[in-house]
PDB file of all heavy atoms in Angstrom:
ATOM      1  N   HIS A   1     -49.812 -54.372  -5.622  1.00  0.00           N
ATOM      2  CA  HIS A   1     -48.593 -54.573  -6.408  1.00  0.00           C
ATOM      3  C   HIS A   1     -47.361 -54.454  -5.517  1.00  0.00           C
ATOM      4  O   HIS A   1     -46.425 -55.274  -5.619  1.00  0.00           O
ATOM      5  CB  HIS A   1     -48.535 -53.536  -7.528  1.00  0.00           C
ATOM      6  CG  HIS A   1     -47.242 -53.533  -8.295  1.00  0.00           C
ATOM      7  ND1 HIS A   1     -46.891 -54.547  -9.150  1.00  0.00           N
ATOM      8  CD2 HIS A   1     -46.201 -52.657  -8.293  1.00  0.00           C
ATOM      9  CE1 HIS A   1     -45.700 -54.293  -9.674  1.00  0.00           C
ATOM     10  NE2 HIS A   1     -45.260 -53.156  -9.164  1.00  0.00           N
ATOM     11  N   GLN A   2     -47.340 -53.462  -4.643  1.00  0.00           N
ATOM     12  CA  GLN A   2     -46.196 -53.296  -3.747  1.00  0.00           C
ATOM     13  C   GLN A   2     -46.043 -54.503  -2.831  1.00  0.00           C
ATOM     14  O   GLN A   2     -44.922 -54.946  -2.538  1.00  0.00           O
ATOM     15  CB  GLN A   2     -46.368 -52.013  -2.914  1.00  0.00           C
ATOM     16  CG  GLN A   2     -46.384 -50.734  -3.731  1.00  0.00           C
ATOM     17  CD  GLN A   2     -45.120 -50.546  -4.565  1.00  0.00           C
ATOM     18  OE1 GLN A   2     -44.017 -50.878  -4.120  1.00  0.00           O
ATOM     19  NE2 GLN A   2     -45.273 -50.024  -5.779  1.00  0.00           N
ATOM     20  N   SER A   3     -47.165 -55.038  -2.391  1.00  0.00           N
ATOM     21  CA  SER A   3     -47.113 -56.224  -1.532  1.00  0.00           C
ATOM     22  C   SER A   3     -46.557 -57.425  -2.292  1.00  0.00           C
ATOM     23  O   SER A   3     -45.779 -58.208  -1.746  1.00  0.00           O
ATOM     24  CB  SER A   3     -48.518 -56.537  -0.996  1.00  0.00           C
ATOM     25  OG  SER A   3     -48.497 -57.593  -0.083  1.00  0.00           O
ATOM     26  N   GLU A   4     -46.943 -57.565  -3.563  1.00  0.00           N
ATOM     27  CA  GLU A   4     -46.428 -58.671  -4.370  1.00  0.00           C
ATOM     28  C   GLU A   4     -44.924 -58.542  -4.595  1.00  0.00           C
ATOM     29  O   GLU A   4     -44.203 -59.547  -4.615  1.00  0.00           O
ATOM     30  CB  GLU A   4     -47.163 -58.727  -5.707  1.00  0.00           C
ATOM     31  CG  GLU A   4     -48.589 -59.220  -5.587  1.00  0.00           C
ATOM     32  CD  GLU A   4     -49.309 -59.251  -6.919  1.00  0.00           C
ATOM     33  OE1 GLU A   4     -48.866 -58.564  -7.863  1.00  0.00           O
ATOM     34  OE2 GLU A   4     -50.329 -59.949  -7.012  1.00  0.00           O
ATOM     35  N   LEU A   5     -44.439 -57.312  -4.765  1.00  0.00           N
ATOM     36  CA  LEU A   5     -43.001 -57.110  -4.918  1.00  0.00           C
ATOM     37  C   LEU A   5     -42.248 -57.616  -3.691  1.00  0.00           C
ATOM     38  O   LEU A   5     -41.142 -58.171  -3.806  1.00  0.00           O
ATOM     39  CB  LEU A   5     -42.698 -55.626  -5.150  1.00  0.00           C
ATOM     40  CG  LEU A   5     -43.070 -55.063  -6.519  1.00  0.00           C
ATOM     41  CD1 LEU A   5     -42.867 -53.554  -6.544  1.00  0.00           C
ATOM     42  CD2 LEU A   5     -42.244 -55.721  -7.624  1.00  0.00           C
ATOM     43  N   LYS A   6     -42.856 -57.431  -2.523  1.00  0.00           N
ATOM     44  CA  LYS A   6     -42.220 -57.924  -1.306  1.00  0.00           C
ATOM     45  C   LYS A   6     -42.346 -59.430  -1.192  1.00  0.00           C
ATOM     46  O   LYS A   6     -41.428 -60.112  -0.706  1.00  0.00           O
ATOM     47  CB  LYS A   6     -42.844 -57.242  -0.090  1.00  0.00           C
ATOM     48  CG  LYS A   6     -41.999 -57.373   1.165  1.00  0.00           C
ATOM     49  CD  LYS A   6     -42.378 -56.337   2.199  1.00  0.00           C
ATOM     50  CE  LYS A   6     -41.340 -56.323   3.314  1.00  0.00           C
ATOM     51  NZ  LYS A   6     -41.653 -55.299   4.337  1.00  0.00           N
ATOM     52  N   MET A   7     -43.486 -59.975  -1.643  1.00  0.00           N
ATOM     53  CA  MET A   7     -43.702 -61.421  -1.582  1.00  0.00           C
ATOM     54  C   MET A   7     -42.606 -62.182  -2.313  1.00  0.00           C
ATOM     55  O   MET A   7     -42.121 -63.215  -1.841  1.00  0.00           O
ATOM     56  CB  MET A   7     -45.068 -61.777  -2.181  1.00  0.00           C
ATOM     57  CG  MET A   7     -46.259 -61.415  -1.319  1.00  0.00           C
ATOM     58  SD  MET A   7     -47.810 -61.528  -2.231  1.00  0.00           S
ATOM     59  CE  MET A   7     -47.889 -63.274  -2.611  1.00  0.00           C
ATOM     60  N   VAL A   8     -42.227 -61.693  -3.492  1.00  0.00           N
ATOM     61  CA  VAL A   8     -41.240 -62.430  -4.279  1.00  0.00           C
ATOM     62  C   VAL A   8     -39.842 -62.337  -3.671  1.00  0.00           C
ATOM     63  O   VAL A   8     -38.941 -63.081  -4.060  1.00  0.00           O
ATOM     64  CB  VAL A   8     -41.218 -61.955  -5.760  1.00  0.00           C
ATOM     65  CG1 VAL A   8     -42.564 -62.183  -6.410  1.00  0.00           C
ATOM     66  CG2 VAL A   8     -40.806 -60.491  -5.864  1.00  0.00           C
ATOM     67  N   GLN A   9     -39.662 -61.436  -2.713  1.00  0.00           N
ATOM     68  CA  GLN A   9     -38.376 -61.342  -2.030  1.00  0.00           C
ATOM     69  C   GLN A   9     -38.288 -62.292  -0.837  1.00  0.00           C
ATOM     70  O   GLN A   9     -37.221 -62.839  -0.557  1.00  0.00           O
ATOM     71  CB  GLN A   9     -38.147 -59.896  -1.551  1.00  0.00           C
ATOM     72  CG  GLN A   9     -38.017 -58.885  -2.669  1.00  0.00           C
ATOM     73  CD  GLN A   9     -37.943 -57.459  -2.148  1.00  0.00           C
ATOM     74  OE1 GLN A   9     -37.743 -57.231  -0.955  1.00  0.00           O
ATOM     75  NE2 GLN A   9     -38.110 -56.496  -3.038  1.00  0.00           N
ATOM     76  N   ILE A  10     -39.424 -62.508  -0.147  1.00  0.00           N
ATOM     77  CA  ILE A  10     -39.352 -63.267   1.110  1.00  0.00           C
ATOM     78  C   ILE A  10     -39.709 -64.738   0.948  1.00  0.00           C
ATOM     79  O   ILE A  10     -39.339 -65.555   1.793  1.00  0.00           O
ATOM     80  CB  ILE A  10     -40.265 -62.634   2.181  1.00  0.00           C
ATOM     81  CG1 ILE A  10     -41.733 -62.725   1.762  1.00  0.00           C
ATOM     82  CG2 ILE A  10     -39.867 -61.189   2.452  1.00  0.00           C
ATOM     83  CD1 ILE A  10     -42.700 -62.246   2.825  1.00  0.00           C
ATOM     84  N   GLY A  11     -40.425 -65.105  -0.113  1.00  0.00           N
ATOM     85  CA  GLY A  11     -40.842 -66.490  -0.281  1.00  0.00           C
ATOM     86  C   GLY A  11     -39.694 -67.401  -0.664  1.00  0.00           C
ATOM     87  O   GLY A  11     -38.690 -66.971  -1.242  1.00  0.00           O
ATOM     88  N   ASP A  12     -39.842 -68.685  -0.337  1.00  0.00           N
ATOM     89  CA  ASP A  12     -38.824 -69.675  -0.706  1.00  0.00           C
ATOM     90  C   ASP A  12     -39.092 -70.299  -2.070  1.00  0.00           C
ATOM     91  O   ASP A  12     -38.160 -70.658  -2.793  1.00  0.00           O
ATOM     92  CB  ASP A  12     -38.774 -70.789   0.355  1.00  0.00           C
ATOM     93  CG  ASP A  12     -38.307 -70.280   1.700  1.00  0.00           C
ATOM     94  OD1 ASP A  12     -37.231 -69.656   1.743  1.00  0.00           O
ATOM     95  OD2 ASP A  12     -39.017 -70.483   2.694  1.00  0.00           O
ATOM     96  N   HIS A  13     -40.350 -70.457  -2.407  1.00  0.00           N
ATOM     97  CA  HIS A  13     -40.723 -71.123  -3.654  1.00  0.00           C
ATOM     98  C   HIS A  13     -42.093 -70.589  -4.064  1.00  0.00           C
ATOM     99  O   HIS A  13     -42.952 -70.350  -3.209  1.00  0.00           O
ATOM    100  CB  HIS A  13     -40.788 -72.643  -3.449  1.00  0.00           C
ATOM    101  CG  HIS A  13     -40.769 -73.431  -4.721  1.00  0.00           C
ATOM    102  ND1 HIS A  13     -39.789 -74.367  -5.009  1.00  0.00           N
ATOM    103  CD2 HIS A  13     -41.592 -73.444  -5.801  1.00  0.00           C
ATOM    104  CE1 HIS A  13     -40.009 -74.906  -6.193  1.00  0.00           C
ATOM    105  NE2 HIS A  13     -41.107 -74.365  -6.689  1.00  0.00           N
ATOM    106  N   PHE A  14     -42.296 -70.414  -5.367  1.00  0.00           N
ATOM    107  CA  PHE A  14     -43.550 -69.836  -5.849  1.00  0.00           C
ATOM    108  C   PHE A  14     -44.251 -70.803  -6.796  1.00  0.00           C
ATOM    109  O   PHE A  14     -43.606 -71.499  -7.589  1.00  0.00           O
ATOM    110  CB  PHE A  14     -43.296 -68.497  -6.549  1.00  0.00           C
ATOM    111  CG  PHE A  14     -42.555 -67.527  -5.675  1.00  0.00           C
ATOM    112  CD1 PHE A  14     -41.200 -67.304  -5.855  1.00  0.00           C
ATOM    113  CD2 PHE A  14     -43.200 -66.877  -4.637  1.00  0.00           C
ATOM    114  CE1 PHE A  14     -40.500 -66.438  -5.043  1.00  0.00           C
ATOM    115  CE2 PHE A  14     -42.514 -66.007  -3.806  1.00  0.00           C
ATOM    116  CZ  PHE A  14     -41.166 -65.786  -4.014  1.00  0.00           C
ATOM    117  N   ILE A  15     -45.558 -70.819  -6.684  1.00  0.00           N
ATOM    118  CA  ILE A  15     -46.391 -71.601  -7.590  1.00  0.00           C
ATOM    119  C   ILE A  15     -47.237 -70.626  -8.401  1.00  0.00           C
ATOM    120  O   ILE A  15     -47.866 -69.725  -7.838  1.00  0.00           O
ATOM    121  CB  ILE A  15     -47.304 -72.579  -6.821  1.00  0.00           C
ATOM    122  CG1 ILE A  15     -46.451 -73.643  -6.109  1.00  0.00           C
ATOM    123  CG2 ILE A  15     -48.305 -73.249  -7.760  1.00  0.00           C
ATOM    124  CD1 ILE A  15     -47.247 -74.563  -5.210  1.00  0.00           C
ATOM    125  N   ALA A  16     -47.231 -70.793  -9.710  1.00  0.00           N
ATOM    126  CA  ALA A  16     -48.076 -70.007 -10.600  1.00  0.00           C
ATOM    127  C   ALA A  16     -49.151 -70.927 -11.163  1.00  0.00           C
ATOM    128  O   ALA A  16     -48.864 -72.067 -11.530  1.00  0.00           O
ATOM    129  CB  ALA A  16     -47.258 -69.395 -11.732  1.00  0.00           C
ATOM    130  N   VAL A  17     -50.392 -70.441 -11.239  1.00  0.00           N
ATOM    131  CA  VAL A  17     -51.485 -71.302 -11.682  1.00  0.00           C
ATOM    132  C   VAL A  17     -51.537 -71.456 -13.195  1.00  0.00           C
ATOM    133  O   VAL A  17     -52.321 -72.262 -13.709  1.00  0.00           O
ATOM    134  CB  VAL A  17     -52.846 -70.792 -11.157  1.00  0.00           C
ATOM    135  CG1 VAL A  17     -52.873 -70.812  -9.639  1.00  0.00           C
ATOM    136  CG2 VAL A  17     -53.157 -69.389 -11.699  1.00  0.00           C
ATOM    137  N   SER A  18     -50.699 -70.698 -13.910  1.00  0.00           N
ATOM    138  CA  SER A  18     -50.657 -70.825 -15.373  1.00  0.00           C
ATOM    139  C   SER A  18     -49.298 -70.352 -15.866  1.00  0.00           C
ATOM    140  O   SER A  18     -48.557 -69.661 -15.158  1.00  0.00           O
ATOM    141  CB  SER A  18     -51.768 -69.994 -16.028  1.00  0.00           C
ATOM    142  OG  SER A  18     -51.566 -68.603 -15.784  1.00  0.00           O
ATOM    143  N   GLN A  19     -48.982 -70.724 -17.091  1.00  0.00           N
ATOM    144  CA  GLN A  19     -47.754 -70.235 -17.709  1.00  0.00           C
ATOM    145  C   GLN A  19     -47.795 -68.724 -17.860  1.00  0.00           C
ATOM    146  O   GLN A  19     -46.764 -68.045 -17.755  1.00  0.00           O
ATOM    147  CB  GLN A  19     -47.556 -70.900 -19.083  1.00  0.00           C
ATOM    148  CG  GLN A  19     -47.288 -72.385 -19.039  1.00  0.00           C
ATOM    149  CD  GLN A  19     -45.929 -72.739 -18.476  1.00  0.00           C
ATOM    150  OE1 GLN A  19     -45.042 -71.881 -18.334  1.00  0.00           O
ATOM    151  NE2 GLN A  19     -45.733 -74.008 -18.140  1.00  0.00           N
ATOM    152  N   ALA A  20     -48.995 -68.182 -18.108  1.00  0.00           N
ATOM    153  CA  ALA A  20     -49.150 -66.733 -18.252  1.00  0.00           C
ATOM    154  C   ALA A  20     -48.742 -66.014 -16.975  1.00  0.00           C
ATOM    155  O   ALA A  20     -48.037 -64.997 -17.009  1.00  0.00           O
ATOM    156  CB  ALA A  20     -50.596 -66.396 -18.619  1.00  0.00           C
ATOM    157  N   ILE A  21     -49.172 -66.539 -15.825  1.00  0.00           N
ATOM    158  CA  ILE A  21     -48.804 -65.915 -14.556  1.00  0.00           C
ATOM    159  C   ILE A  21     -47.314 -66.098 -14.279  1.00  0.00           C
ATOM    160  O   ILE A  21     -46.645 -65.184 -13.789  1.00  0.00           O
ATOM    161  CB  ILE A  21     -49.655 -66.495 -13.411  1.00  0.00           C
ATOM    162  CG1 ILE A  21     -51.117 -66.092 -13.599  1.00  0.00           C
ATOM    163  CG2 ILE A  21     -49.143 -66.008 -12.056  1.00  0.00           C
ATOM    164  CD1 ILE A  21     -51.369 -64.605 -13.614  1.00  0.00           C
ATOM    165  N   SER A  22     -46.777 -67.260 -14.601  1.00  0.00           N
ATOM    166  CA  SER A  22     -45.345 -67.490 -14.424  1.00  0.00           C
ATOM    167  C   SER A  22     -44.533 -66.472 -15.217  1.00  0.00           C
ATOM    168  O   SER A  22     -43.536 -65.921 -14.727  1.00  0.00           O
ATOM    169  CB  SER A  22     -44.984 -68.914 -14.866  1.00  0.00           C
ATOM    170  OG  SER A  22     -43.596 -69.133 -14.765  1.00  0.00           O
ATOM    171  N   HIS A  23     -44.963 -66.212 -16.433  1.00  0.00           N
ATOM    172  CA  HIS A  23     -44.279 -65.224 -17.281  1.00  0.00           C
ATOM    173  C   HIS A  23     -44.310 -63.844 -16.632  1.00  0.00           C
ATOM    174  O   HIS A  23     -43.294 -63.130 -16.607  1.00  0.00           O
ATOM    175  CB  HIS A  23     -44.941 -65.193 -18.660  1.00  0.00           C
ATOM    176  CG  HIS A  23     -44.419 -64.124 -19.567  1.00  0.00           C
ATOM    177  ND1 HIS A  23     -43.200 -64.219 -20.196  1.00  0.00           N
ATOM    178  CD2 HIS A  23     -44.944 -62.921 -19.931  1.00  0.00           C
ATOM    179  CE1 HIS A  23     -42.996 -63.130 -20.923  1.00  0.00           C
ATOM    180  NE2 HIS A  23     -44.041 -62.327 -20.783  1.00  0.00           N
ATOM    181  N   GLU A  24     -45.475 -63.472 -16.099  1.00  0.00           N
ATOM    182  CA  GLU A  24     -45.609 -62.134 -15.528  1.00  0.00           C
ATOM    183  C   GLU A  24     -44.846 -61.983 -14.213  1.00  0.00           C
ATOM    184  O   GLU A  24     -44.495 -60.863 -13.829  1.00  0.00           O
ATOM    185  CB  GLU A  24     -47.088 -61.794 -15.315  1.00  0.00           C
ATOM    186  CG  GLU A  24     -47.908 -61.744 -16.604  1.00  0.00           C
ATOM    187  CD  GLU A  24     -47.342 -60.800 -17.649  1.00  0.00           C
ATOM    188  OE1 GLU A  24     -46.622 -59.852 -17.262  1.00  0.00           O
ATOM    189  OE2 GLU A  24     -47.618 -60.993 -18.849  1.00  0.00           O
TER     190      GLU A  24
END
């Protein structure tokens, strides 16, 4: 979870495989 928090800070663009994941 801590790694994911950092991922959303450094990435330029994100792909979610479902609307459910996009929401989360």
